[in-house]
Amino acid sequence: MAEKKQTTTKKEIKKTPISKVSKVSANNKKSVVSKSRVKKPASSVKKEVVKKAKVESTKKRRVIRATIVKDNSTKYKFLNVKVTRVVAHPLYRKLVKKNKKYLVSCPQDVEFKVGEEVFIEETNPISKRISFRYVSKV
């Protein structure tokens, strides 16, 4: 008597867990059971995120020299500063001054005057428009 070959349908495969499904090769011989899907525990995911945060905190931050344009430190705890850069024109190679204004977080106990030179440092965003903090006067 002829033996019936055992085949599995797609519906049966979907119903059974992956660890129990065995693949059938071209010769209709059962092969090794496929690996089951293993999810990482939540604790290992958290550890990876913490490690990335530590790497970012050790990053060297940019310190820039700036001139105070407006002093709002007594009322709002921030300064309005202007950073001037000298850049070569891409085509003509003439040196051109470029200005950029930034809002800088600062302590209220330090007094500032318009026109003073200060050092500011990049930080993580403190608010929507403030991403720098005051370091020291020049």
Protein backbone atom coordinates (compact mmCIF):
# COMPACT_ATOMS: atom_id res chain seq x y z
CA MET A 1 0.00 0.00 0.00
CA ALA A 2 1.16 3.47 -0.81
CA GLU A 3 1.88 5.76 2.13
CA LYS A 4 0.20 9.12 2.20
CA LYS A 5 2.58 12.07 2.22
CA GLN A 6 1.89 14.50 5.01
CA THR A 7 1.71 18.12 3.85
CA THR A 8 0.79 21.23 5.76
CA THR A 9 -1.38 24.03 4.44
CA LYS A 10 -0.88 27.74 4.92
CA LYS A 11 -3.84 27.92 7.31
CA GLU A 12 -2.34 25.23 9.55
CA ILE A 13 1.02 27.02 9.55
CA LYS A 14 -0.61 30.31 10.59
CA LYS A 15 -2.46 28.61 13.46
CA THR A 16 0.54 26.80 14.90
CA PRO A 17 3.27 28.68 16.80
CA ILE A 18 6.46 29.30 14.84
CA SER A 19 8.58 27.11 17.11
CA LYS A 20 6.45 24.04 16.20
CA VAL A 21 6.34 24.58 12.42
CA SER A 22 8.78 22.49 10.46
CA LYS A 23 9.82 23.31 6.91
CA VAL A 24 9.42 20.75 4.16
CA SER A 25 12.25 20.55 1.64
CA ALA A 26 12.03 19.72 -2.08
CA ASN A 27 12.39 15.98 -1.35
CA ASN A 28 9.41 16.16 1.06
CA LYS A 29 11.70 15.43 3.99
CA LYS A 30 11.19 17.41 7.16
CA SER A 31 14.04 19.71 8.00
CA VAL A 32 15.11 21.24 11.27
CA VAL A 33 12.50 23.23 13.18
CA SER A 34 12.84 26.97 12.47
CA LYS A 35 13.87 29.38 15.22
CA SER A 36 11.10 30.97 17.26
CA ARG A 37 10.65 34.74 17.39
CA VAL A 38 12.14 36.01 20.60
CA LYS A 39 11.36 39.50 21.84
CA LYS A 40 13.92 41.38 23.87
CA PRO A 41 12.84 42.04 27.43
CA ALA A 42 11.99 45.66 28.17
CA SER A 43 14.92 46.00 30.60
CA SER A 44 17.54 45.41 27.88
CA VAL A 45 15.93 48.03 25.63
CA LYS A 46 16.07 50.60 28.45
CA LYS A 47 19.76 49.86 29.04
CA GLU A 48 20.56 50.57 25.38
CA VAL A 49 18.78 53.93 25.53
CA VAL A 50 20.64 54.89 28.72
CA LYS A 51 23.99 53.99 27.15
CA LYS A 52 23.26 56.23 24.13
CA ALA A 53 22.33 59.14 26.41
CA LYS A 54 25.64 58.83 28.29
CA VAL A 55 27.59 58.97 25.03
CA GLU A 56 25.82 62.18 23.99
CA SER A 57 26.45 63.89 27.33
CA THR A 58 30.23 63.43 27.01
CA LYS A 59 30.24 65.09 23.58
CA LYS A 60 32.35 68.26 23.37
CA ARG A 61 30.07 71.27 22.99
CA ARG A 62 30.73 74.28 20.80
CA VAL A 63 31.69 77.51 22.62
CA ILE A 64 31.10 80.72 20.66
CA ARG A 65 32.09 84.34 21.25
CA ALA A 66 29.10 86.70 20.93
CA THR A 67 28.08 90.34 21.45
CA ILE A 68 25.05 91.26 23.56
CA VAL A 69 22.36 93.02 21.51
CA LYS A 70 19.50 93.16 24.02
CA ASP A 71 19.46 92.45 27.75
CA ASN A 72 16.31 90.73 29.03
CA SER A 73 18.05 88.90 31.88
CA THR A 74 16.41 90.87 34.69
CA LYS A 75 12.89 90.02 33.55
CA TYR A 76 13.02 86.83 31.43
CA LYS A 77 16.34 85.05 32.24
CA PHE A 78 17.68 85.24 28.69
CA LEU A 79 19.94 87.42 26.53
CA ASN A 80 19.73 88.31 22.86
CA VAL A 81 23.22 87.97 21.34
CA LYS A 82 24.77 88.36 17.89
CA VAL A 83 27.46 86.03 16.55
CA THR A 84 29.61 87.37 13.70
CA ARG A 85 31.44 84.97 11.36
CA VAL A 86 33.85 85.76 8.53
CA VAL A 87 33.23 83.51 5.53
CA ALA A 88 34.84 83.44 2.08
CA HIS A 89 32.42 83.98 -0.81
CA PRO A 90 32.09 80.68 -2.71
CA LEU A 91 32.76 82.17 -6.16
CA TYR A 92 34.77 85.35 -5.64
CA ARG A 93 36.68 84.33 -2.48
CA LYS A 94 36.11 87.74 -0.87
CA LEU A 95 35.77 87.65 2.92
CA VAL A 96 32.19 88.47 3.96
CA LYS A 97 30.82 89.03 7.49
CA LYS A 98 27.71 87.05 8.37
CA ASN A 99 25.65 87.73 11.50
CA LYS A 100 23.28 85.42 13.37
CA LYS A 101 21.19 86.25 16.46
CA TYR A 102 20.59 83.72 19.24
CA LEU A 103 18.64 83.69 22.47
CA VAL A 104 20.84 82.61 25.39
CA SER A 105 19.76 81.32 28.79
CA CYS A 106 21.60 83.12 31.61
CA PRO A 107 21.57 83.50 35.41
CA GLN A 108 19.72 86.49 36.85
CA ASP A 109 22.43 87.40 39.37
CA VAL A 110 24.94 88.51 36.68
CA GLU A 111 24.59 92.02 35.25
CA PHE A 112 25.02 92.60 31.51
CA LYS A 113 25.38 95.67 29.30
CA VAL A 114 24.55 96.00 25.61
CA GLY A 115 27.74 95.66 23.51
CA GLU A 116 29.63 93.39 25.95
CA GLU A 117 31.41 90.30 24.63
CA VAL A 118 30.40 86.95 26.18
CA PHE A 119 31.08 83.25 25.63
CA ILE A 120 28.04 81.04 24.99
CA GLU A 121 27.81 77.26 24.79
CA GLU A 122 25.51 74.94 22.84
CA THR A 123 23.12 72.85 24.95
CA ASN A 124 20.08 70.70 24.50
CA PRO A 125 17.05 72.86 23.68
CA ILE A 126 15.89 74.68 26.81
CA SER A 127 12.77 76.03 25.10
CA LYS A 128 11.48 76.47 21.54
CA ARG A 129 14.01 79.19 20.62
CA ILE A 130 16.74 78.84 23.30
CA SER A 131 19.52 76.30 22.65
CA PHE A 132 22.51 78.15 24.13
CA ARG A 133 23.58 79.03 27.66
CA TYR A 134 25.82 81.72 29.08
CA VAL A 135 29.36 80.61 30.08
CA SER A 136 31.36 83.74 30.98
CA LYS A 137 32.32 87.25 30.01
CA VAL A 138 35.35 87.78 27.76
